[in-house]
């Protein structure tokens, strides 16, 4: 994956979560939806695993994208991806 031509060093699970969020920027994805998209397991134990992946993704995006690409929490529901006003380039996988 890359952002504005800069490579993003993502794990397969991080890539799946970011791919889901990037598929529909602005849409809130529930913890369960993200879990189903990124994990092959059918059992959903709670939001902790998703939160862990999001925490790592946020750090990697900050390092590469600065403040132009953010994962925003929808408290108690899940997350959504938003691009700042300066963002014109597409995220590519």
Protein backbone atom coordinates (compact mmCIF):
# COMPACT_ATOMS: atom_id res chain seq x y z
CA UNK A 1 0.00 0.00 0.00
CA UNK A 2 1.11 3.56 -0.56
CA UNK A 3 -0.05 7.10 0.18
CA UNK A 4 1.01 9.92 -2.15
CA UNK A 5 3.71 7.67 -3.54
CA UNK A 6 5.19 6.87 -0.13
CA UNK A 7 5.08 3.17 0.79
CA UNK A 8 3.13 2.07 3.85
CA UNK A 9 4.73 -0.90 5.58
CA UNK A 10 1.56 -2.72 6.69
CA UNK A 11 0.87 -6.19 8.02
CA UNK A 12 -1.72 -8.22 6.10
CA UNK A 13 -4.32 -7.52 8.81
CA UNK A 14 -3.57 -3.78 8.81
CA UNK A 15 -3.90 -3.77 5.04
CA UNK A 16 -7.30 -5.51 5.22
CA UNK A 17 -8.61 -3.06 7.83
CA UNK A 18 -7.31 -0.04 5.92
CA UNK A 19 -8.71 -1.48 2.70
CA UNK A 20 -12.17 -1.72 4.24
CA UNK A 21 -11.99 1.82 5.60
CA UNK A 22 -10.67 3.20 2.30
CA UNK A 23 -13.35 1.44 0.29
CA UNK A 24 -15.93 3.90 1.61
CA UNK A 25 -14.20 6.93 3.16
CA UNK A 26 -16.36 8.66 5.73
CA UNK A 27 -18.51 5.59 6.40
CA UNK A 28 -18.43 4.29 9.96
CA UNK A 29 -17.41 0.65 10.08
CA UNK A 30 -18.42 -1.18 13.24
CA UNK A 31 -15.89 -3.16 15.22
CA UNK A 32 -17.61 -6.34 14.11
CA UNK A 33 -17.60 -5.37 10.42
CA UNK A 34 -13.88 -4.61 10.55
CA UNK A 35 -13.21 -7.83 12.41
CA UNK A 36 -15.12 -9.87 9.84
CA UNK A 37 -13.22 -8.16 7.03
CA UNK A 38 -9.73 -8.61 8.50
CA UNK A 39 -9.90 -11.91 10.39
CA UNK A 40 -10.78 -15.27 8.93
CA UNK A 41 -12.26 -16.39 12.23
CA UNK A 42 -16.02 -16.28 12.58
CA UNK A 43 -15.97 -15.69 16.34
CA UNK A 44 -16.01 -12.03 17.39
CA UNK A 45 -14.78 -11.59 20.96
CA UNK A 46 -14.97 -7.80 21.13
CA UNK A 47 -13.36 -4.59 19.93
CA UNK A 48 -9.88 -4.99 21.50
CA UNK A 49 -8.27 -6.72 18.50
CA UNK A 50 -9.64 -4.13 16.09
CA UNK A 51 -8.54 -1.27 18.36
CA UNK A 52 -5.02 -2.68 18.45
CA UNK A 53 -4.80 -2.76 14.65
CA UNK A 54 -6.24 0.76 14.42
CA UNK A 55 -3.67 2.04 16.92
CA UNK A 56 -0.81 0.69 14.78
CA UNK A 57 -2.40 1.99 11.57
CA UNK A 58 -2.82 5.48 13.02
CA UNK A 59 0.88 5.61 13.94
CA UNK A 60 1.94 4.46 10.48
CA UNK A 61 -0.41 6.90 8.74
CA UNK A 62 0.84 9.79 10.89
CA UNK A 63 4.41 8.92 9.98
CA UNK A 64 3.60 8.83 6.26
CA UNK A 65 0.53 10.93 5.63
CA UNK A 66 0.84 13.53 8.38
CA UNK A 67 -2.54 14.93 9.27
CA UNK A 68 -4.07 14.56 5.81
CA UNK A 69 -5.39 11.02 6.36
CA UNK A 70 -6.96 10.02 9.66
CA UNK A 71 -8.86 7.15 11.23
CA UNK A 72 -11.56 8.66 13.43
CA UNK A 73 -13.35 6.80 16.20
CA UNK A 74 -17.13 6.69 16.37
CA UNK A 75 -17.31 6.17 20.11
CA UNK A 76 -18.75 2.80 21.03
CA UNK A 77 -19.44 1.94 17.38
CA UNK A 78 -16.27 1.69 15.30
CA UNK A 79 -14.09 3.77 12.99
CA UNK A 80 -14.10 5.76 9.77
CA UNK A 81 -11.38 7.04 7.45
CA UNK A 82 -11.30 10.73 6.60
CA UNK A 83 -9.01 12.68 4.33
CA UNK A 84 -8.11 16.25 5.21
CA UNK A 85 -8.74 19.22 2.92
CA UNK A 86 -5.20 19.03 1.49
CA UNK A 87 -5.67 15.44 0.47
CA UNK A 88 -5.97 14.99 -3.28
CA UNK A 89 -4.06 11.78 -3.94
CA UNK A 90 -5.64 8.36 -3.67
CA UNK A 91 -4.60 5.61 -1.32
CA UNK A 92 -3.44 2.62 -3.34
CA UNK A 93 -3.00 -0.98 -2.37
